[in-house]
Amino acid sequence: MCGRYLFSAAGSKELQAIAEQVRQKYGTKAASFTMPEEMYPSVTAPVLVSENGNITPELQSWGLPGLRSGLVINARAETVSQRPMFRRSLFDRRCVIPTAGFYEWDGAKHKYYFHLPHQPVLYLAGIYDNVSGVNSFVILTTAPNDSMKEIHDRMPLVLLPEQVGPWLTEPEKVLEILAAEPPMLVKSRTDGQLALDDLA
């Protein structure tokens, strides 16, 4: 499960460029809210989408209304193509969530931060739908690799930079990307205590 991630333009030219494109695209609307660095469900956040074959940022809300209550914030990569709630979005409304990294908690409630080694930006695969006139996204999750297994039994579907374009613009590559194992990540405890890093 992925329930928190970091969007911080500090130190990342790519995230700075996305933030600037959002400001140019939305003007006063982009300035009408304060975007937290630590993103959480229901917040409005920048995602990347394909518009007329071009990759562009768009402001979307994180989470789709659930059938019972609350928000659906994740979808399983293994079954997303089979679920009626997500099937159409998978092939028509894919997005990429740009982050510096994401957070996860272990069974003892210790908080960890995960990111790519030597990379200031980490892209997550997502899909979105339009609900009551608002585009809202969910983050796809998959089975954990060795850098995540000790912390949680799920992890976000992390895209390598070269997978971002195909995920957004090449439908024939979608199932292949869904089945790919995410890259190894670096993890660190965020409570001030030291933990071993896992590197690719």
N, C-alpha and C. Protein backbone atom coordinates (compact mmCIF):
# COMPACT_ATOMS: atom_id res chain seq x y z
N MET A 1 0.85 -1.19 0.00
CA MET A 1 0.00 0.00 0.00
C MET A 1 0.88 1.24 0.00
N CYS A 2 0.46 2.22 -0.74
CA CYS A 2 1.19 3.50 -0.74
C CYS A 2 0.21 4.58 -0.31
N GLY A 3 0.46 5.17 0.87
CA GLY A 3 -0.46 6.17 1.38
C GLY A 3 0.16 7.52 1.64
N ARG A 4 1.47 7.65 1.38
CA ARG A 4 2.15 8.93 1.53
C ARG A 4 3.31 8.97 0.54
N TYR A 5 3.51 10.12 -0.10
CA TYR A 5 4.71 10.29 -0.90
C TYR A 5 5.17 11.72 -0.83
N LEU A 6 6.41 11.94 -1.26
CA LEU A 6 7.04 13.25 -1.15
C LEU A 6 7.13 13.90 -2.52
N PHE A 7 6.59 15.12 -2.63
CA PHE A 7 6.81 15.93 -3.83
C PHE A 7 7.56 17.17 -3.38
N SER A 8 8.86 17.16 -3.60
CA SER A 8 9.70 18.28 -3.19
C SER A 8 10.56 18.69 -4.37
N ALA A 9 10.37 19.92 -4.85
CA ALA A 9 11.14 20.40 -5.99
C ALA A 9 12.57 20.75 -5.61
N ALA A 10 12.86 20.86 -4.32
CA ALA A 10 14.21 21.21 -3.89
C ALA A 10 15.18 20.11 -4.30
N GLY A 11 16.18 20.50 -5.05
CA GLY A 11 17.21 19.55 -5.45
C GLY A 11 16.86 18.71 -6.66
N SER A 12 15.71 18.93 -7.27
CA SER A 12 15.30 18.16 -8.44
C SER A 12 14.86 19.09 -9.56
N LYS A 13 15.66 19.17 -10.61
CA LYS A 13 15.29 20.02 -11.74
C LYS A 13 14.03 19.51 -12.43
N GLU A 14 13.85 18.19 -12.44
CA GLU A 14 12.66 17.62 -13.09
C GLU A 14 11.38 18.01 -12.34
N LEU A 15 11.42 17.90 -11.01
CA LEU A 15 10.24 18.28 -10.24
C LEU A 15 10.02 19.79 -10.26
N GLN A 16 11.09 20.56 -10.28
CA GLN A 16 10.97 22.01 -10.42
C GLN A 16 10.28 22.36 -11.73
N ALA A 17 10.68 21.67 -12.82
CA ALA A 17 10.08 21.93 -14.13
C ALA A 17 8.60 21.58 -14.14
N ILE A 18 8.23 20.46 -13.50
CA ILE A 18 6.82 20.08 -13.44
C ILE A 18 6.02 21.11 -12.66
N ALA A 19 6.55 21.56 -11.52
CA ALA A 19 5.87 22.57 -10.72
C ALA A 19 5.68 23.86 -11.50
N GLU A 20 6.69 24.25 -12.28
CA GLU A 20 6.59 25.48 -13.07
C GLU A 20 5.57 25.32 -14.20
N GLN A 21 5.52 24.15 -14.83
CA GLN A 21 4.53 23.90 -15.88
C GLN A 21 3.11 23.95 -15.32
N VAL A 22 2.94 23.44 -14.10
CA VAL A 22 1.63 23.52 -13.44
C VAL A 22 1.24 24.98 -13.24
N ARG A 23 2.17 25.80 -12.75
CA ARG A 23 1.88 27.23 -12.52
C ARG A 23 1.50 27.91 -13.83
N GLN A 24 2.21 27.60 -14.91
CA GLN A 24 1.92 28.22 -16.20
C GLN A 24 0.57 27.75 -16.77
N LYS A 25 0.28 26.47 -16.56
CA LYS A 25 -0.95 25.90 -17.13
C LYS A 25 -2.20 26.38 -16.41
N TYR A 26 -2.12 26.48 -15.07
CA TYR A 26 -3.32 26.76 -14.28
C TYR A 26 -3.39 28.20 -13.77
N GLY A 27 -2.31 28.93 -13.84
CA GLY A 27 -2.33 30.33 -13.44
C GLY A 27 -2.80 30.52 -12.01
N THR A 28 -3.84 31.33 -11.84
CA THR A 28 -4.31 31.65 -10.49
C THR A 28 -4.86 30.43 -9.77
N LYS A 29 -5.38 29.45 -10.51
CA LYS A 29 -5.89 28.24 -9.86
C LYS A 29 -4.77 27.49 -9.15
N ALA A 30 -3.58 27.45 -9.77
CA ALA A 30 -2.46 26.75 -9.16
C ALA A 30 -1.99 27.46 -7.90
N ALA A 31 -2.22 28.77 -7.84
CA ALA A 31 -1.79 29.53 -6.66
C ALA A 31 -2.87 29.59 -5.58
N SER A 32 -4.03 28.99 -5.86
CA SER A 32 -5.14 29.10 -4.92
C SER A 32 -5.11 28.05 -3.83
N PHE A 33 -4.15 27.13 -3.89
CA PHE A 33 -4.03 26.14 -2.84
C PHE A 33 -2.56 25.95 -2.50
N THR A 34 -2.30 25.48 -1.30
CA THR A 34 -0.94 25.19 -0.87
C THR A 34 -0.70 23.70 -1.03
N MET A 35 0.26 23.34 -1.86
CA MET A 35 0.56 21.95 -2.11
C MET A 35 1.57 21.47 -1.07
N PRO A 36 1.19 20.54 -0.21
CA PRO A 36 2.13 20.06 0.80
C PRO A 36 3.25 19.26 0.15
N GLU A 37 4.41 19.23 0.78
CA GLU A 37 5.49 18.40 0.26
C GLU A 37 5.16 16.92 0.46
N GLU A 38 4.60 16.57 1.63
CA GLU A 38 4.21 15.19 1.87
C GLU A 38 2.76 15.01 1.44
N MET A 39 2.58 14.30 0.34
CA MET A 39 1.26 14.11 -0.23
C MET A 39 0.51 12.99 0.48
N TYR A 40 -0.79 13.19 0.66
CA TYR A 40 -1.64 12.22 1.34
C TYR A 40 -2.96 12.11 0.58
N PRO A 41 -3.73 11.05 0.79
CA PRO A 41 -5.00 10.89 0.07
C PRO A 41 -5.92 12.09 0.23
N SER A 42 -6.59 12.44 -0.84
CA SER A 42 -7.55 13.55 -0.99
C SER A 42 -6.89 14.85 -1.38
N VAL A 43 -5.54 14.94 -1.31
CA VAL A 43 -4.86 16.17 -1.68
C VAL A 43 -4.85 16.31 -3.20
N THR A 44 -4.79 17.55 -3.67
CA THR A 44 -4.63 17.83 -5.10
C THR A 44 -3.14 17.85 -5.41
N ALA A 45 -2.74 17.10 -6.43
CA ALA A 45 -1.32 16.92 -6.73
C ALA A 45 -1.09 16.91 -8.23
N PRO A 46 0.12 17.24 -8.67
CA PRO A 46 0.43 17.16 -10.10
C PRO A 46 0.72 15.72 -10.52
N VAL A 47 0.13 15.32 -11.62
CA VAL A 47 0.45 14.04 -12.26
C VAL A 47 0.76 14.33 -13.72
N LEU A 48 1.37 13.37 -14.39
CA LEU A 48 1.65 13.49 -15.82
C LEU A 48 0.63 12.67 -16.59
N VAL A 49 0.09 13.26 -17.66
CA VAL A 49 -0.88 12.58 -18.51
C VAL A 49 -0.50 12.81 -19.97
N SER A 50 -1.14 12.07 -20.85
CA SER A 50 -0.93 12.25 -22.28
C SER A 50 -2.10 13.04 -22.86
N GLU A 51 -1.78 14.17 -23.49
CA GLU A 51 -2.79 14.97 -24.17
C GLU A 51 -2.38 15.16 -25.62
N ASN A 52 -3.16 14.56 -26.52
CA ASN A 52 -2.85 14.63 -27.95
C ASN A 52 -1.43 14.17 -28.25
N GLY A 53 -1.01 13.14 -27.56
CA GLY A 53 0.31 12.58 -27.79
C GLY A 53 1.44 13.27 -27.06
N ASN A 54 1.14 14.35 -26.34
CA ASN A 54 2.16 15.07 -25.59
C ASN A 54 2.00 14.79 -24.11
N ILE A 55 3.12 14.65 -23.41
CA ILE A 55 3.10 14.42 -21.97
C ILE A 55 3.09 15.77 -21.26
N THR A 56 2.07 15.97 -20.42
CA THR A 56 1.88 17.26 -19.77
C THR A 56 1.41 17.06 -18.33
N PRO A 57 1.74 17.98 -17.42
CA PRO A 57 1.24 17.85 -16.05
C PRO A 57 -0.21 18.28 -15.93
N GLU A 58 -0.91 17.67 -14.98
CA GLU A 58 -2.30 18.01 -14.71
C GLU A 58 -2.53 17.89 -13.21
N LEU A 59 -3.31 18.79 -12.66
CA LEU A 59 -3.67 18.71 -11.25
C LEU A 59 -4.84 17.74 -11.08
N GLN A 60 -4.66 16.76 -10.21
CA GLN A 60 -5.70 15.78 -9.93
C GLN A 60 -5.80 15.54 -8.43
N SER A 61 -6.93 14.98 -8.03
CA SER A 61 -7.15 14.62 -6.62
C SER A 61 -6.74 13.16 -6.41
N TRP A 62 -6.09 12.89 -5.30
CA TRP A 62 -5.65 11.52 -5.02
C TRP A 62 -6.75 10.75 -4.32
N GLY A 63 -7.32 9.78 -5.05
CA GLY A 63 -8.31 8.88 -4.48
C GLY A 63 -9.64 8.92 -5.21
N LEU A 64 -10.19 7.74 -5.46
CA LEU A 64 -11.52 7.60 -6.07
C LEU A 64 -12.52 7.18 -5.00
N PRO A 65 -13.76 7.68 -5.08
CA PRO A 65 -14.76 7.27 -4.09
C PRO A 65 -14.95 5.76 -4.10
N GLY A 66 -14.95 5.14 -2.91
CA GLY A 66 -15.14 3.71 -2.80
C GLY A 66 -16.61 3.33 -2.88
N LEU A 67 -16.87 2.04 -3.08
CA LEU A 67 -18.25 1.56 -3.18
C LEU A 67 -18.97 1.70 -1.85
N ARG A 68 -18.24 1.61 -0.74
CA ARG A 68 -18.86 1.72 0.58
C ARG A 68 -18.60 3.11 1.16
N SER A 69 -17.38 3.36 1.55
CA SER A 69 -17.05 4.66 2.11
C SER A 69 -15.55 4.90 1.95
N GLY A 70 -15.14 6.14 2.15
CA GLY A 70 -13.73 6.45 2.06
C GLY A 70 -13.25 6.52 0.63
N LEU A 71 -11.93 6.59 0.48
CA LEU A 71 -11.31 6.72 -0.83
C LEU A 71 -10.53 5.46 -1.18
N VAL A 72 -10.58 5.10 -2.45
CA VAL A 72 -9.70 4.06 -2.97
C VAL A 72 -8.47 4.77 -3.49
N ILE A 73 -7.30 4.49 -2.89
CA ILE A 73 -6.09 5.23 -3.26
C ILE A 73 -5.09 4.37 -4.02
N ASN A 74 -5.27 3.03 -3.99
CA ASN A 74 -4.37 2.11 -4.69
C ASN A 74 -5.18 1.10 -5.48
N ALA A 75 -4.55 0.54 -6.51
CA ALA A 75 -5.12 -0.57 -7.26
C ALA A 75 -4.02 -1.58 -7.52
N ARG A 76 -4.35 -2.85 -7.45
CA ARG A 76 -3.35 -3.90 -7.62
C ARG A 76 -3.03 -4.08 -9.10
N ALA A 77 -1.73 -4.02 -9.43
CA ALA A 77 -1.31 -4.16 -10.82
C ALA A 77 -1.70 -5.52 -11.39
N GLU A 78 -1.72 -6.56 -10.53
CA GLU A 78 -2.01 -7.91 -11.01
C GLU A 78 -3.45 -8.08 -11.46
N THR A 79 -4.38 -7.29 -10.92
CA THR A 79 -5.80 -7.50 -11.22
C THR A 79 -6.49 -6.26 -11.79
N VAL A 80 -5.75 -5.18 -12.00
CA VAL A 80 -6.38 -3.94 -12.43
C VAL A 80 -7.07 -4.07 -13.78
N SER A 81 -6.56 -4.93 -14.66
CA SER A 81 -7.17 -5.08 -15.98
C SER A 81 -8.47 -5.88 -15.92
N GLN A 82 -8.75 -6.54 -14.79
CA GLN A 82 -9.94 -7.39 -14.67
C GLN A 82 -11.07 -6.72 -13.89
N ARG A 83 -10.76 -5.69 -13.14
CA ARG A 83 -11.77 -5.08 -12.28
C ARG A 83 -12.57 -4.02 -13.04
N PRO A 84 -13.90 -4.14 -13.04
CA PRO A 84 -14.72 -3.16 -13.79
C PRO A 84 -14.44 -1.72 -13.39
N MET A 85 -14.12 -1.47 -12.11
CA MET A 85 -13.89 -0.11 -11.64
C MET A 85 -12.68 0.53 -12.31
N PHE A 86 -11.70 -0.30 -12.73
CA PHE A 86 -10.44 0.22 -13.22
C PHE A 86 -10.13 -0.09 -14.68
N ARG A 87 -10.84 -1.07 -15.27
CA ARG A 87 -10.45 -1.59 -16.58
C ARG A 87 -10.39 -0.50 -17.65
N ARG A 88 -11.41 0.34 -17.72
CA ARG A 88 -11.43 1.38 -18.75
C ARG A 88 -10.31 2.38 -18.53
N SER A 89 -10.09 2.76 -17.29
CA SER A 89 -9.03 3.72 -17.00
C SER A 89 -7.66 3.17 -17.38
N LEU A 90 -7.44 1.88 -17.18
CA LEU A 90 -6.14 1.30 -17.47
C LEU A 90 -5.76 1.50 -18.94
N PHE A 91 -6.72 1.40 -19.82
CA PHE A 91 -6.40 1.50 -21.24
C PHE A 91 -6.67 2.89 -21.83
N ASP A 92 -7.38 3.74 -21.11
CA ASP A 92 -7.69 5.07 -21.65
C ASP A 92 -7.20 6.23 -20.79
N ARG A 93 -6.95 5.99 -19.50
CA ARG A 93 -6.65 7.10 -18.60
C ARG A 93 -5.52 6.73 -17.64
N ARG A 94 -4.36 6.57 -18.21
CA ARG A 94 -3.18 6.27 -17.40
C ARG A 94 -2.48 7.58 -17.02
N CYS A 95 -1.82 7.57 -15.88
CA CYS A 95 -1.06 8.74 -15.45
C CYS A 95 0.22 8.29 -14.78
N VAL A 96 1.10 9.23 -14.56
CA VAL A 96 2.36 8.99 -13.84
C VAL A 96 2.44 10.00 -12.71
N ILE A 97 2.74 9.53 -11.53
CA ILE A 97 2.83 10.40 -10.35
C ILE A 97 4.30 10.70 -10.10
N PRO A 98 4.74 11.95 -10.31
CA PRO A 98 6.13 12.30 -10.05
C PRO A 98 6.36 12.55 -8.56
N THR A 99 7.40 11.95 -8.02
CA THR A 99 7.70 12.08 -6.60
C THR A 99 9.22 12.16 -6.41
N ALA A 100 9.62 12.56 -5.21
CA ALA A 100 11.02 12.40 -4.82
C ALA A 100 11.21 11.02 -4.19
N GLY A 101 10.14 10.47 -3.62
CA GLY A 101 10.15 9.16 -2.98
C GLY A 101 8.84 8.95 -2.25
N PHE A 102 8.68 7.82 -1.61
CA PHE A 102 7.43 7.54 -0.90
C PHE A 102 7.73 6.97 0.48
N TYR A 103 6.70 6.94 1.32
CA TYR A 103 6.82 6.46 2.69
C TYR A 103 6.04 5.17 2.89
N GLU A 104 6.54 4.34 3.78
CA GLU A 104 5.81 3.14 4.18
C GLU A 104 6.13 2.84 5.64
N TRP A 105 5.20 2.16 6.32
CA TRP A 105 5.35 1.81 7.71
C TRP A 105 5.50 0.30 7.86
N ASP A 106 6.35 -0.14 8.78
CA ASP A 106 6.46 -1.57 9.03
C ASP A 106 5.46 -1.99 10.10
N GLY A 107 5.51 -3.25 10.49
CA GLY A 107 4.54 -3.77 11.46
C GLY A 107 4.64 -3.13 12.83
N ALA A 108 5.79 -2.56 13.15
CA ALA A 108 5.99 -1.88 14.44
C ALA A 108 5.69 -0.39 14.33
N LYS A 109 5.13 0.03 13.22
CA LYS A 109 4.74 1.43 12.98
C LYS A 109 5.94 2.36 12.81
N HIS A 110 7.09 1.81 12.45
CA HIS A 110 8.23 2.66 12.12
C HIS A 110 8.05 3.15 10.68
N LYS A 111 8.33 4.41 10.45
CA LYS A 111 8.13 5.03 9.14
C LYS A 111 9.44 5.01 8.36
N TYR A 112 9.37 4.55 7.10
CA TYR A 112 10.53 4.49 6.23
C TYR A 112 10.29 5.33 4.98
N TYR A 113 11.39 5.87 4.49
CA TYR A 113 11.36 6.63 3.23
C TYR A 113 12.10 5.83 2.17
N PHE A 114 11.48 5.68 1.00
CA PHE A 114 12.06 4.92 -0.11
C PHE A 114 12.29 5.83 -1.31
N HIS A 115 13.44 5.66 -1.94
CA HIS A 115 13.73 6.43 -3.15
C HIS A 115 14.73 5.67 -4.01
N LEU A 116 14.90 6.11 -5.23
CA LEU A 116 15.88 5.49 -6.11
C LEU A 116 17.29 5.94 -5.73
N PRO A 117 18.28 5.06 -5.80
CA PRO A 117 19.64 5.48 -5.50
C PRO A 117 20.16 6.47 -6.55
N HIS A 118 20.70 7.57 -6.07
CA HIS A 118 21.36 8.57 -6.94
C HIS A 118 20.40 9.20 -7.94
N GLN A 119 19.12 9.20 -7.64
CA GLN A 119 18.13 9.81 -8.53
C GLN A 119 17.23 10.74 -7.71
N PRO A 120 17.03 12.01 -8.14
CA PRO A 120 16.21 12.94 -7.37
C PRO A 120 14.71 12.82 -7.63
N VAL A 121 14.32 11.96 -8.57
CA VAL A 121 12.90 11.83 -8.89
C VAL A 121 12.56 10.35 -9.05
N LEU A 122 11.37 9.98 -8.61
CA LEU A 122 10.88 8.61 -8.69
C LEU A 122 9.46 8.68 -9.24
N TYR A 123 9.20 7.96 -10.32
CA TYR A 123 7.89 8.00 -10.98
C TYR A 123 7.07 6.76 -10.60
N LEU A 124 5.80 6.98 -10.28
CA LEU A 124 4.89 5.89 -9.94
C LEU A 124 3.81 5.77 -11.00
N ALA A 125 3.46 4.54 -11.35
CA ALA A 125 2.40 4.30 -12.33
C ALA A 125 1.04 4.49 -11.68
N GLY A 126 0.13 5.14 -12.39
CA GLY A 126 -1.22 5.34 -11.89
C GLY A 126 -2.25 5.31 -12.99
N ILE A 127 -3.50 5.33 -12.59
CA ILE A 127 -4.63 5.49 -13.51
C ILE A 127 -5.57 6.50 -12.88
N TYR A 128 -6.45 7.07 -13.70
CA TYR A 128 -7.37 8.06 -13.15
C TYR A 128 -8.74 7.94 -13.80
N ASP A 129 -9.71 8.60 -13.19
CA ASP A 129 -11.06 8.64 -13.72
C ASP A 129 -11.65 10.00 -13.38
N ASN A 130 -12.71 10.35 -14.08
CA ASN A 130 -13.38 11.62 -13.83
C ASN A 130 -14.62 11.36 -12.98
N VAL A 131 -14.65 11.97 -11.81
CA VAL A 131 -15.76 11.80 -10.88
C VAL A 131 -16.33 13.17 -10.57
N SER A 132 -17.58 13.39 -10.97
CA SER A 132 -18.25 14.67 -10.72
C SER A 132 -17.44 15.85 -11.25
N GLY A 133 -16.83 15.64 -12.41
CA GLY A 133 -16.09 16.73 -13.06
C GLY A 133 -14.66 16.90 -12.59
N VAL A 134 -14.20 16.03 -11.70
CA VAL A 134 -12.85 16.14 -11.17
C VAL A 134 -12.06 14.88 -11.53
N ASN A 135 -10.90 15.06 -12.13
CA ASN A 135 -10.03 13.92 -12.41
C ASN A 135 -9.33 13.50 -11.11
N SER A 136 -9.44 12.20 -10.80
CA SER A 136 -8.87 11.67 -9.57
C SER A 136 -8.06 10.42 -9.90
N PHE A 137 -6.91 10.25 -9.23
CA PHE A 137 -6.01 9.16 -9.56
C PHE A 137 -5.85 8.18 -8.41
N VAL A 138 -5.41 6.98 -8.78
CA VAL A 138 -4.96 5.98 -7.81
C VAL A 138 -3.57 5.53 -8.22
N ILE A 139 -2.78 5.08 -7.26
CA ILE A 139 -1.44 4.58 -7.50
C ILE A 139 -1.48 3.06 -7.60
N LEU A 140 -0.86 2.51 -8.63
CA LEU A 140 -0.81 1.06 -8.78
C LEU A 140 0.24 0.46 -7.86
N THR A 141 -0.09 -0.68 -7.27
CA THR A 141 0.86 -1.38 -6.40
C THR A 141 1.11 -2.78 -6.95
N THR A 142 2.23 -3.36 -6.52
CA THR A 142 2.62 -4.67 -6.99
C THR A 142 3.30 -5.44 -5.87
N ALA A 143 3.71 -6.67 -6.16
CA ALA A 143 4.42 -7.47 -5.15
C ALA A 143 5.74 -6.79 -4.81
N PRO A 144 6.17 -6.87 -3.56
CA PRO A 144 7.40 -6.19 -3.15
C PRO A 144 8.65 -6.89 -3.69
N ASN A 145 9.66 -6.09 -4.03
CA ASN A 145 10.96 -6.68 -4.33
C ASN A 145 11.78 -6.75 -3.03
N ASP A 146 13.05 -7.13 -3.15
CA ASP A 146 13.85 -7.36 -1.95
C ASP A 146 14.09 -6.10 -1.13
N SER A 147 13.97 -4.92 -1.74
CA SER A 147 14.19 -3.69 -0.99
C SER A 147 12.98 -3.31 -0.13
N MET A 148 11.84 -4.00 -0.33
CA MET A 148 10.61 -3.66 0.38
C MET A 148 10.09 -4.80 1.26
N LYS A 149 10.46 -6.03 0.96
CA LYS A 149 9.84 -7.20 1.58
C LYS A 149 9.83 -7.17 3.10
N GLU A 150 10.89 -6.68 3.72
CA GLU A 150 10.96 -6.69 5.18
C GLU A 150 10.03 -5.66 5.80
N ILE A 151 9.58 -4.69 5.00
CA ILE A 151 8.76 -3.59 5.53
C ILE A 151 7.28 -3.80 5.24
N HIS A 152 6.94 -4.22 4.03
CA HIS A 152 5.53 -4.31 3.65
C HIS A 152 5.36 -5.36 2.56
N ASP A 153 4.12 -5.89 2.43
CA ASP A 153 3.86 -6.92 1.44
C ASP A 153 3.37 -6.36 0.10
N ARG A 154 3.35 -5.04 -0.03
CA ARG A 154 3.03 -4.39 -1.31
C ARG A 154 3.97 -3.20 -1.49
N MET A 155 4.12 -2.76 -2.74
CA MET A 155 4.89 -1.56 -3.02
C MET A 155 4.33 -0.90 -4.27
N PRO A 156 4.56 0.40 -4.44
CA PRO A 156 4.09 1.06 -5.66
C PRO A 156 4.78 0.49 -6.89
N LEU A 157 4.10 0.56 -8.02
CA LEU A 157 4.69 0.16 -9.29
C LEU A 157 5.57 1.32 -9.76
N VAL A 158 6.86 1.20 -9.50
CA VAL A 158 7.82 2.25 -9.83
C VAL A 158 8.21 2.13 -11.30
N LEU A 159 8.19 3.25 -12.00
CA LEU A 159 8.57 3.29 -13.41
C LEU A 159 9.98 3.84 -13.55
N LEU A 160 10.80 3.18 -14.34
CA LEU A 160 12.07 3.76 -14.73
C LEU A 160 11.80 4.93 -15.68
N PRO A 161 12.71 5.91 -15.76
CA PRO A 161 12.46 7.07 -16.64
C PRO A 161 12.10 6.68 -18.07
N GLU A 162 12.72 5.62 -18.58
CA GLU A 162 12.43 5.21 -19.96
C GLU A 162 11.07 4.52 -20.10
N GLN A 163 10.40 4.20 -18.98
CA GLN A 163 9.07 3.59 -19.05
C GLN A 163 7.94 4.62 -18.97
N VAL A 164 8.26 5.85 -18.61
CA VAL A 164 7.22 6.88 -18.44
C VAL A 164 6.47 7.13 -19.74
N GLY A 165 7.21 7.39 -20.82
CA GLY A 165 6.57 7.64 -22.11
C GLY A 165 5.73 6.48 -22.59
N PRO A 166 6.28 5.26 -22.64
CA PRO A 166 5.48 4.11 -23.06
C PRO A 166 4.24 3.88 -22.20
N TRP A 167 4.36 4.06 -20.88
CA TRP A 167 3.19 3.87 -20.01
C TRP A 167 2.07 4.83 -20.40
N LEU A 168 2.41 6.05 -20.74
CA LEU A 168 1.40 7.06 -21.02
C LEU A 168 0.88 7.00 -22.46
N THR A 169 1.71 6.59 -23.40
CA THR A 169 1.35 6.78 -24.82
C THR A 169 1.31 5.50 -25.65
N GLU A 170 1.71 4.36 -25.09
CA GLU A 170 1.76 3.13 -25.88
C GLU A 170 0.94 2.03 -25.21
N PRO A 171 -0.35 1.94 -25.53
CA PRO A 171 -1.23 0.95 -24.88
C PRO A 171 -0.72 -0.48 -24.99
N GLU A 172 -0.01 -0.79 -26.08
CA GLU A 172 0.46 -2.15 -26.27
C GLU A 172 1.55 -2.54 -25.27
N LYS A 173 2.13 -1.56 -24.58
CA LYS A 173 3.17 -1.83 -23.59
C LYS A 173 2.62 -1.95 -22.16
N VAL A 174 1.34 -1.69 -21.99
CA VAL A 174 0.78 -1.59 -20.64
C VAL A 174 0.92 -2.89 -19.85
N LEU A 175 0.50 -4.01 -20.41
CA LEU A 175 0.54 -5.27 -19.67
C LEU A 175 1.96 -5.69 -19.36
N GLU A 176 2.88 -5.39 -20.26
CA GLU A 176 4.30 -5.71 -20.03
C GLU A 176 4.84 -4.91 -18.84
N ILE A 177 4.50 -3.63 -18.77
CA ILE A 177 4.97 -2.80 -17.67
C ILE A 177 4.33 -3.23 -16.36
N LEU A 178 3.06 -3.60 -16.40
CA LEU A 178 2.38 -4.05 -15.18
C LEU A 178 3.06 -5.27 -14.57
N ALA A 179 3.62 -6.12 -15.42
CA ALA A 179 4.22 -7.37 -14.95
C ALA A 179 5.69 -7.22 -14.58
N ALA A 180 6.29 -6.07 -14.85
CA ALA A 180 7.72 -5.89 -14.60
C ALA A 180 8.00 -5.73 -13.11
N GLU A 181 9.13 -6.25 -12.65
CA GLU A 181 9.53 -6.06 -11.25
C GLU A 181 10.11 -4.67 -11.07
N PRO A 182 9.68 -3.93 -10.06
CA PRO A 182 10.20 -2.58 -9.84
C PRO A 182 11.69 -2.60 -9.53
N PRO A 183 12.37 -1.49 -9.78
CA PRO A 183 13.80 -1.41 -9.44
C PRO A 183 14.01 -1.42 -7.94
N MET A 184 15.22 -1.80 -7.54
CA MET A 184 15.57 -1.77 -6.13
C MET A 184 15.66 -0.34 -5.64
N LEU A 185 15.25 -0.13 -4.39
CA LEU A 185 15.19 1.20 -3.81
C LEU A 185 16.09 1.30 -2.58
N VAL A 186 16.38 2.53 -2.21
CA VAL A 186 17.07 2.81 -0.95
C VAL A 186 16.01 3.10 0.10
N LYS A 187 16.20 2.57 1.32
CA LYS A 187 15.25 2.87 2.39
C LYS A 187 15.99 3.45 3.58
N SER A 188 15.31 4.32 4.32
CA SER A 188 15.89 4.88 5.53
C SER A 188 14.78 5.17 6.52
N ARG A 189 15.09 4.97 7.81
CA ARG A 189 14.12 5.28 8.86
C ARG A 189 13.99 6.79 8.98
N THR A 190 12.79 7.27 9.19
CA THR A 190 12.57 8.71 9.29
C THR A 190 12.41 9.19 10.72
N ASP A 191 12.62 8.29 11.69
CA ASP A 191 12.46 8.68 13.09
C ASP A 191 13.80 9.00 13.75
N GLY A 192 14.84 9.16 12.93
CA GLY A 192 16.14 9.55 13.47
C GLY A 192 17.04 8.39 13.81
N GLN A 193 16.52 7.15 13.75
CA GLN A 193 17.35 5.98 14.04
C GLN A 193 17.91 5.43 12.75
N LEU A 194 19.08 4.84 12.83
CA LEU A 194 19.74 4.32 11.65
C LEU A 194 19.12 2.99 11.22
N ALA A 195 19.08 2.79 9.90
CA ALA A 195 18.66 1.50 9.36
C ALA A 195 19.54 1.18 8.18
N LEU A 196 19.67 -0.10 7.86
CA LEU A 196 20.49 -0.49 6.73
C LEU A 196 19.80 -0.09 5.44
N ASP A 197 20.56 0.40 4.47
CA ASP A 197 20.03 0.74 3.16
C ASP A 197 20.06 -0.49 2.28
N ASP A 198 19.07 -0.59 1.41
CA ASP A 198 19.04 -1.63 0.39
C ASP A 198 19.29 -0.96 -0.93
N LEU A 199 20.34 -1.40 -1.63
CA LEU A 199 20.70 -0.79 -2.91
C LEU A 199 20.58 -1.82 -4.01
N ALA A 200 20.31 -1.31 -5.23
CA ALA A 200 20.27 -2.21 -6.38
C ALA A 200 21.67 -2.75 -6.63
